Amino acid sequence: MPKTYTTIQGDMWDSIAYSQLGDVAYTDKLMNLNPQYREYYTFPAGIVLHLPDAAEQPSAALPPWRQVAG
């Protein structure tokens, strides 16, 4: 059964990745599993997100939204 998380008012992608998966490096995987909510920066309460399997190693690269164009 897939693991889920229900947002509370003020949650953000990286804070959810850290609190639920232990590392902000999971942010990209979390966003990829929930593309229908990509328009949110700060979540309202009550959105159910699917969580990636924490056994999958997060990407070492920065997620696209954190990369700085050089």
PDB file of N, CA and C in Angstrom:
ATOM      1  N   MET A   1       0.841  -1.176   0.000  1.00  0.00           N
ATOM      2  CA  MET A   1       0.000   0.000   0.000  1.00  0.00           C
ATOM      3  C   MET A   1       0.890   1.243   0.000  1.00  0.00           C
ATOM      4  N   PRO A   2       0.657   2.168  -0.930  1.00  0.00           N
ATOM      5  CA  PRO A   2       1.471   3.379  -0.998  1.00  0.00           C
ATOM      6  C   PRO A   2       1.295   4.226   0.264  1.00  0.00           C
ATOM      7  N   LYS A   3       2.373   4.837   0.681  1.00  0.00           N
ATOM      8  CA  LYS A   3       2.344   5.708   1.841  1.00  0.00           C
ATOM      9  C   LYS A   3       1.897   7.094   1.398  1.00  0.00           C
ATOM     10  N   THR A   4       1.066   7.741   2.204  1.00  0.00           N
ATOM     11  CA  THR A   4       0.570   9.072   1.877  1.00  0.00           C
ATOM     12  C   THR A   4       0.794  10.027   3.048  1.00  0.00           C
ATOM     13  N   TYR A   5       0.648  11.294   2.747  1.00  0.00           N
ATOM     14  CA  TYR A   5       0.731  12.339   3.759  1.00  0.00           C
ATOM     15  C   TYR A   5      -0.354  13.354   3.447  1.00  0.00           C
ATOM     16  N   THR A   6      -1.103  13.769   4.458  1.00  0.00           N
ATOM     17  CA  THR A   6      -2.123  14.797   4.300  1.00  0.00           C
ATOM     18  C   THR A   6      -1.567  16.115   4.812  1.00  0.00           C
ATOM     19  N   THR A   7      -1.573  17.113   3.944  1.00  0.00           N
ATOM     20  CA  THR A   7      -0.952  18.390   4.272  1.00  0.00           C
ATOM     21  C   THR A   7      -1.707  19.125   5.364  1.00  0.00           C
ATOM     22  N   ILE A   8      -0.934  19.980   6.056  1.00  0.00           N
ATOM     23  CA  ILE A   8      -1.508  20.946   6.973  1.00  0.00           C
ATOM     24  C   ILE A   8      -1.208  22.332   6.404  1.00  0.00           C
ATOM     25  N   GLN A   9      -1.999  23.315   6.773  1.00  0.00           N
ATOM     26  CA  GLN A   9      -1.817  24.673   6.274  1.00  0.00           C
ATOM     27  C   GLN A   9      -0.377  25.124   6.468  1.00  0.00           C
ATOM     28  N   GLY A  10       0.256  25.591   5.390  1.00  0.00           N
ATOM     29  CA  GLY A  10       1.614  26.119   5.465  1.00  0.00           C
ATOM     30  C   GLY A  10       2.709  25.138   5.090  1.00  0.00           C
ATOM     31  N   ASP A  11       2.371  23.860   4.886  1.00  0.00           N
ATOM     32  CA  ASP A  11       3.376  22.893   4.430  1.00  0.00           C
ATOM     33  C   ASP A  11       3.977  23.337   3.110  1.00  0.00           C
ATOM     34  N   MET A  12       5.253  23.017   2.903  1.00  0.00           N
ATOM     35  CA  MET A  12       5.925  23.266   1.635  1.00  0.00           C
ATOM     36  C   MET A  12       6.593  21.968   1.205  1.00  0.00           C
ATOM     37  N   TRP A  13       6.907  21.857  -0.083  1.00  0.00           N
ATOM     38  CA  TRP A  13       7.472  20.619  -0.630  1.00  0.00           C
ATOM     39  C   TRP A  13       8.686  20.149   0.164  1.00  0.00           C
ATOM     40  N   ASP A  14       9.632  21.047   0.393  1.00  0.00           N
ATOM     41  CA  ASP A  14      10.860  20.630   1.060  1.00  0.00           C
ATOM     42  C   ASP A  14      10.645  20.282   2.530  1.00  0.00           C
ATOM     43  N   SER A  15       9.716  20.972   3.190  1.00  0.00           N
ATOM     44  CA  SER A  15       9.451  20.646   4.592  1.00  0.00           C
ATOM     45  C   SER A  15       8.765  19.291   4.727  1.00  0.00           C
ATOM     46  N   ILE A  16       7.925  18.948   3.754  1.00  0.00           N
ATOM     47  CA  ILE A  16       7.280  17.631   3.764  1.00  0.00           C
ATOM     48  C   ILE A  16       8.325  16.550   3.515  1.00  0.00           C
ATOM     49  N   ALA A  17       9.197  16.768   2.529  1.00  0.00           N
ATOM     50  CA  ALA A  17      10.250  15.785   2.241  1.00  0.00           C
ATOM     51  C   ALA A  17      11.112  15.550   3.472  1.00  0.00           C
ATOM     52  N   TYR A  18      11.466  16.621   4.167  1.00  0.00           N
ATOM     53  CA  TYR A  18      12.316  16.481   5.354  1.00  0.00           C
ATOM     54  C   TYR A  18      11.578  15.785   6.502  1.00  0.00           C
ATOM     55  N   SER A  19      10.360  16.222   6.796  1.00  0.00           N
ATOM     56  CA  SER A  19       9.643  15.667   7.945  1.00  0.00           C
ATOM     57  C   SER A  19       9.177  14.236   7.718  1.00  0.00           C
ATOM     58  N   GLN A  20       8.813  13.902   6.489  1.00  0.00           N
ATOM     59  CA  GLN A  20       8.267  12.567   6.219  1.00  0.00           C
ATOM     60  C   GLN A  20       9.292  11.568   5.722  1.00  0.00           C
ATOM     61  N   LEU A  21      10.351  12.054   5.048  1.00  0.00           N
ATOM     62  CA  LEU A  21      11.319  11.151   4.437  1.00  0.00           C
ATOM     63  C   LEU A  21      12.732  11.329   4.980  1.00  0.00           C
ATOM     64  N   GLY A  22      12.938  12.374   5.786  1.00  0.00           N
ATOM     65  CA  GLY A  22      14.206  12.556   6.456  1.00  0.00           C
ATOM     66  C   GLY A  22      15.257  13.359   5.727  1.00  0.00           C
ATOM     67  N   ASP A  23      14.933  13.861   4.532  1.00  0.00           N
ATOM     68  CA  ASP A  23      15.938  14.599   3.766  1.00  0.00           C
ATOM     69  C   ASP A  23      15.239  15.438   2.698  1.00  0.00           C
ATOM     70  N   VAL A  24      15.640  16.704   2.575  1.00  0.00           N
ATOM     71  CA  VAL A  24      15.056  17.558   1.539  1.00  0.00           C
ATOM     72  C   VAL A  24      15.442  17.084   0.141  1.00  0.00           C
ATOM     73  N   ALA A  25      16.426  16.207   0.041  1.00  0.00           N
ATOM     74  CA  ALA A  25      16.835  15.672  -1.266  1.00  0.00           C
ATOM     75  C   ALA A  25      15.718  14.854  -1.914  1.00  0.00           C
ATOM     76  N   TYR A  26      14.716  14.451  -1.152  1.00  0.00           N
ATOM     77  CA  TYR A  26      13.573  13.713  -1.698  1.00  0.00           C
ATOM     78  C   TYR A  26      12.524  14.632  -2.323  1.00  0.00           C
ATOM     79  N   THR A  27      12.733  15.938  -2.257  1.00  0.00           N
ATOM     80  CA  THR A  27      11.738  16.892  -2.750  1.00  0.00           C
ATOM     81  C   THR A  27      11.379  16.644  -4.209  1.00  0.00           C
ATOM     82  N   ASP A  28      12.378  16.425  -5.057  1.00  0.00           N
ATOM     83  CA  ASP A  28      12.120  16.201  -6.483  1.00  0.00           C
ATOM     84  C   ASP A  28      11.276  14.942  -6.697  1.00  0.00           C
ATOM     85  N   LYS A  29      11.607  13.867  -6.007  1.00  0.00           N
ATOM     86  CA  LYS A  29      10.824  12.627  -6.130  1.00  0.00           C
ATOM     87  C   LYS A  29       9.391  12.844  -5.648  1.00  0.00           C
ATOM     88  N   LEU A  30       9.238  13.581  -4.555  1.00  0.00           N
ATOM     89  CA  LEU A  30       7.910  13.873  -4.020  1.00  0.00           C
ATOM     90  C   LEU A  30       7.088  14.666  -5.033  1.00  0.00           C
ATOM     91  N   MET A  31       7.704  15.668  -5.645  1.00  0.00           N
ATOM     92  CA  MET A  31       6.999  16.476  -6.644  1.00  0.00           C
ATOM     93  C   MET A  31       6.653  15.658  -7.881  1.00  0.00           C
ATOM     94  N   ASN A  32       7.549  14.770  -8.295  1.00  0.00           N
ATOM     95  CA  ASN A  32       7.292  13.940  -9.472  1.00  0.00           C
ATOM     96  C   ASN A  32       6.151  12.954  -9.242  1.00  0.00           C
ATOM     97  N   LEU A  33       5.952  12.518  -8.008  1.00  0.00           N
ATOM     98  CA  LEU A  33       4.843  11.605  -7.700  1.00  0.00           C
ATOM     99  C   LEU A  33       3.504  12.328  -7.615  1.00  0.00           C
ATOM    100  N   ASN A  34       3.533  13.644  -7.496  1.00  0.00           N
ATOM    101  CA  ASN A  34       2.319  14.428  -7.298  1.00  0.00           C
ATOM    102  C   ASN A  34       2.259  15.630  -8.243  1.00  0.00           C
ATOM    103  N   PRO A  35       2.378  15.379  -9.553  1.00  0.00           N
ATOM    104  CA  PRO A  35       2.465  16.504 -10.494  1.00  0.00           C
ATOM    105  C   PRO A  35       1.219  17.384 -10.520  1.00  0.00           C
ATOM    106  N   GLN A  36       0.092  16.857 -10.127  1.00  0.00           N
ATOM    107  CA  GLN A  36      -1.142  17.645 -10.141  1.00  0.00           C
ATOM    108  C   GLN A  36      -1.122  18.784  -9.114  1.00  0.00           C
ATOM    109  N   TYR A  37      -0.156  18.765  -8.185  1.00  0.00           N
ATOM    110  CA  TYR A  37      -0.065  19.806  -7.156  1.00  0.00           C
ATOM    111  C   TYR A  37       1.176  20.693  -7.310  1.00  0.00           C
ATOM    112  N   ARG A  38       1.859  20.610  -8.443  1.00  0.00           N
ATOM    113  CA  ARG A  38       3.088  21.385  -8.645  1.00  0.00           C
ATOM    114  C   ARG A  38       2.872  22.894  -8.558  1.00  0.00           C
ATOM    115  N   GLU A  39       1.661  23.356  -8.787  1.00  0.00           N
ATOM    116  CA  GLU A  39       1.405  24.797  -8.730  1.00  0.00           C
ATOM    117  C   GLU A  39       1.438  25.337  -7.300  1.00  0.00           C
ATOM    118  N   TYR A  40       1.405  24.454  -6.320  1.00  0.00           N
ATOM    119  CA  TYR A  40       1.457  24.900  -4.929  1.00  0.00           C
ATOM    120  C   TYR A  40       2.896  25.137  -4.484  1.00  0.00           C
ATOM    121  N   TYR A  41       3.103  26.258  -3.834  1.00  0.00           N
ATOM    122  CA  TYR A  41       4.370  26.529  -3.158  1.00  0.00           C
ATOM    123  C   TYR A  41       4.155  26.281  -1.669  1.00  0.00           C
ATOM    124  N   THR A  42       3.072  26.848  -1.151  1.00  0.00           N
ATOM    125  CA  THR A  42       2.640  26.616   0.216  1.00  0.00           C
ATOM    126  C   THR A  42       1.272  25.940   0.141  1.00  0.00           C
ATOM    127  N   PHE A  43       1.157  24.798   0.798  1.00  0.00           N
ATOM    128  CA  PHE A  43      -0.060  24.004   0.709  1.00  0.00           C
ATOM    129  C   PHE A  43      -1.147  24.462   1.671  1.00  0.00           C
ATOM    130  N   PRO A  44      -2.404  24.309   1.239  1.00  0.00           N
ATOM    131  CA  PRO A  44      -3.510  24.430   2.181  1.00  0.00           C
ATOM    132  C   PRO A  44      -3.639  23.106   2.931  1.00  0.00           C
ATOM    133  N   ALA A  45      -4.469  23.059   3.924  1.00  0.00           N
ATOM    134  CA  ALA A  45      -4.695  21.820   4.667  1.00  0.00           C
ATOM    135  C   ALA A  45      -5.537  20.852   3.837  1.00  0.00           C
ATOM    136  N   GLY A  46      -5.280  19.555   4.009  1.00  0.00           N
ATOM    137  CA  GLY A  46      -6.156  18.523   3.470  1.00  0.00           C
ATOM    138  C   GLY A  46      -5.787  17.913   2.137  1.00  0.00           C
ATOM    139  N   ILE A  47      -4.659  18.244   1.561  1.00  0.00           N
ATOM    140  CA  ILE A  47      -4.256  17.630   0.294  1.00  0.00           C
ATOM    141  C   ILE A  47      -3.495  16.343   0.611  1.00  0.00           C
ATOM    142  N   VAL A  48      -3.910  15.257  -0.023  1.00  0.00           N
ATOM    143  CA  VAL A  48      -3.260  13.965   0.204  1.00  0.00           C
ATOM    144  C   VAL A  48      -2.191  13.756  -0.865  1.00  0.00           C
ATOM    145  N   LEU A  49      -0.947  13.660  -0.417  1.00  0.00           N
ATOM    146  CA  LEU A  49       0.183  13.452  -1.322  1.00  0.00           C
ATOM    147  C   LEU A  49       0.690  12.025  -1.208  1.00  0.00           C
ATOM    148  N   HIS A  50       1.115  11.458  -2.316  1.00  0.00           N
ATOM    149  CA  HIS A  50       1.769  10.152  -2.315  1.00  0.00           C
ATOM    150  C   HIS A  50       3.244  10.383  -1.999  1.00  0.00           C
ATOM    151  N   LEU A  51       3.803   9.549  -1.138  1.00  0.00           N
ATOM    152  CA  LEU A  51       5.200   9.673  -0.748  1.00  0.00           C
ATOM    153  C   LEU A  51       6.046   8.645  -1.474  1.00  0.00           C
ATOM    154  N   PRO A  52       7.246   9.033  -1.910  1.00  0.00           N
ATOM    155  CA  PRO A  52       8.152   8.060  -2.530  1.00  0.00           C
ATOM    156  C   PRO A  52       8.665   7.084  -1.482  1.00  0.00           C
ATOM    157  N   ASP A  53       9.096   5.948  -1.925  1.00  0.00           N
ATOM    158  CA  ASP A  53       9.683   4.956  -1.046  1.00  0.00           C
ATOM    159  C   ASP A  53      11.004   5.512  -0.541  1.00  0.00           C
ATOM    160  N   ALA A  54      11.139   5.635   0.769  1.00  0.00           N
ATOM    161  CA  ALA A  54      12.359   6.197   1.346  1.00  0.00           C
ATOM    162  C   ALA A  54      13.562   5.298   1.111  1.00  0.00           C
ATOM    163  N   ALA A  55      13.344   4.037   0.731  1.00  0.00           N
ATOM    164  CA  ALA A  55      14.453   3.134   0.434  1.00  0.00           C
ATOM    165  C   ALA A  55      15.159   3.550  -0.860  1.00  0.00           C
ATOM    166  N   GLU A  56      14.424   4.243  -1.753  1.00  0.00           N
ATOM    167  CA  GLU A  56      15.032   4.755  -2.978  1.00  0.00           C
ATOM    168  C   GLU A  56      15.910   5.930  -2.598  1.00  0.00           C
ATOM    169  N   GLN A  57      17.144   5.907  -3.013  1.00  0.00           N
ATOM    170  CA  GLN A  57      18.067   6.988  -2.689  1.00  0.00           C
ATOM    171  C   GLN A  57      17.668   8.255  -3.438  1.00  0.00           C
ATOM    172  N   PRO A  58      17.696   9.388  -2.755  1.00  0.00           N
ATOM    173  CA  PRO A  58      17.375  10.641  -3.441  1.00  0.00           C
ATOM    174  C   PRO A  58      18.479  11.018  -4.419  1.00  0.00           C
ATOM    175  N   SER A  59      18.114  11.832  -5.371  1.00  0.00           N
ATOM    176  CA  SER A  59      19.084  12.312  -6.343  1.00  0.00           C
ATOM    177  C   SER A  59      20.076  13.244  -5.659  1.00  0.00           C
ATOM    178  N   ALA A  60      21.338  13.133  -6.038  1.00  0.00           N
ATOM    179  CA  ALA A  60      22.364  14.013  -5.484  1.00  0.00           C
ATOM    180  C   ALA A  60      22.284  15.408  -6.096  1.00  0.00           C
ATOM    181  N   ALA A  61      21.667  15.502  -7.279  1.00  0.00           N
ATOM    182  CA  ALA A  61      21.535  16.789  -7.955  1.00  0.00           C
ATOM    183  C   ALA A  61      20.443  17.609  -7.285  1.00  0.00           C
ATOM    184  N   LEU A  62      20.571  18.918  -7.386  1.00  0.00           N
ATOM    185  CA  LEU A  62      19.534  19.784  -6.862  1.00  0.00           C
ATOM    186  C   LEU A  62      18.286  19.639  -7.714  1.00  0.00           C
ATOM    187  N   PRO A  63      17.096  19.718  -7.099  1.00  0.00           N
ATOM    188  CA  PRO A  63      15.864  19.700  -7.890  1.00  0.00           C
ATOM    189  C   PRO A  63      15.823  20.939  -8.779  1.00  0.00           C
ATOM    190  N   PRO A  64      15.105  20.861  -9.896  1.00  0.00           N
ATOM    191  CA  PRO A  64      15.088  21.976 -10.852  1.00  0.00           C
ATOM    192  C   PRO A  64      14.726  23.320 -10.237  1.00  0.00           C
ATOM    193  N   TRP A  65      13.822  23.341  -9.278  1.00  0.00           N
ATOM    194  CA  TRP A  65      13.394  24.602  -8.683  1.00  0.00           C
ATOM    195  C   TRP A  65      14.457  25.219  -7.775  1.00  0.00           C
ATOM    196  N   ARG A  66      15.537  24.471  -7.444  1.00  0.00           N
ATOM    197  CA  ARG A  66      16.601  25.002  -6.595  1.00  0.00           C
ATOM    198  C   ARG A  66      17.875  25.291  -7.380  1.00  0.00           C
ATOM    199  N   GLN A  67      17.909  24.944  -8.656  1.00  0.00           N
ATOM    200  CA  GLN A  67      19.090  25.158  -9.467  1.00  0.00           C
ATOM    201  C   GLN A  67      19.196  26.619  -9.875  1.00  0.00           C
ATOM    202  N   VAL A  68      20.401  27.112  -9.899  1.00  0.00           N
ATOM    203  CA  VAL A  68      20.651  28.497 -10.305  1.00  0.00           C
ATOM    204  C   VAL A  68      21.296  28.468 -11.678  1.00  0.00           C
ATOM    205  N   ALA A  69      20.679  29.197 -12.594  1.00  0.00           N
ATOM    206  CA  ALA A  69      21.234  29.287 -13.941  1.00  0.00           C
ATOM    207  C   ALA A  69      22.532  30.082 -13.885  1.00  0.00           C
ATOM    208  N   GLY A  70      23.557  29.573 -14.566  1.00  0.00           N
ATOM    209  CA  GLY A  70      24.844  30.258 -14.483  1.00  0.00           C
ATOM    210  C   GLY A  70      25.302  30.796 -15.724  1.00  0.00           C
TER     211      GLY A  70
END
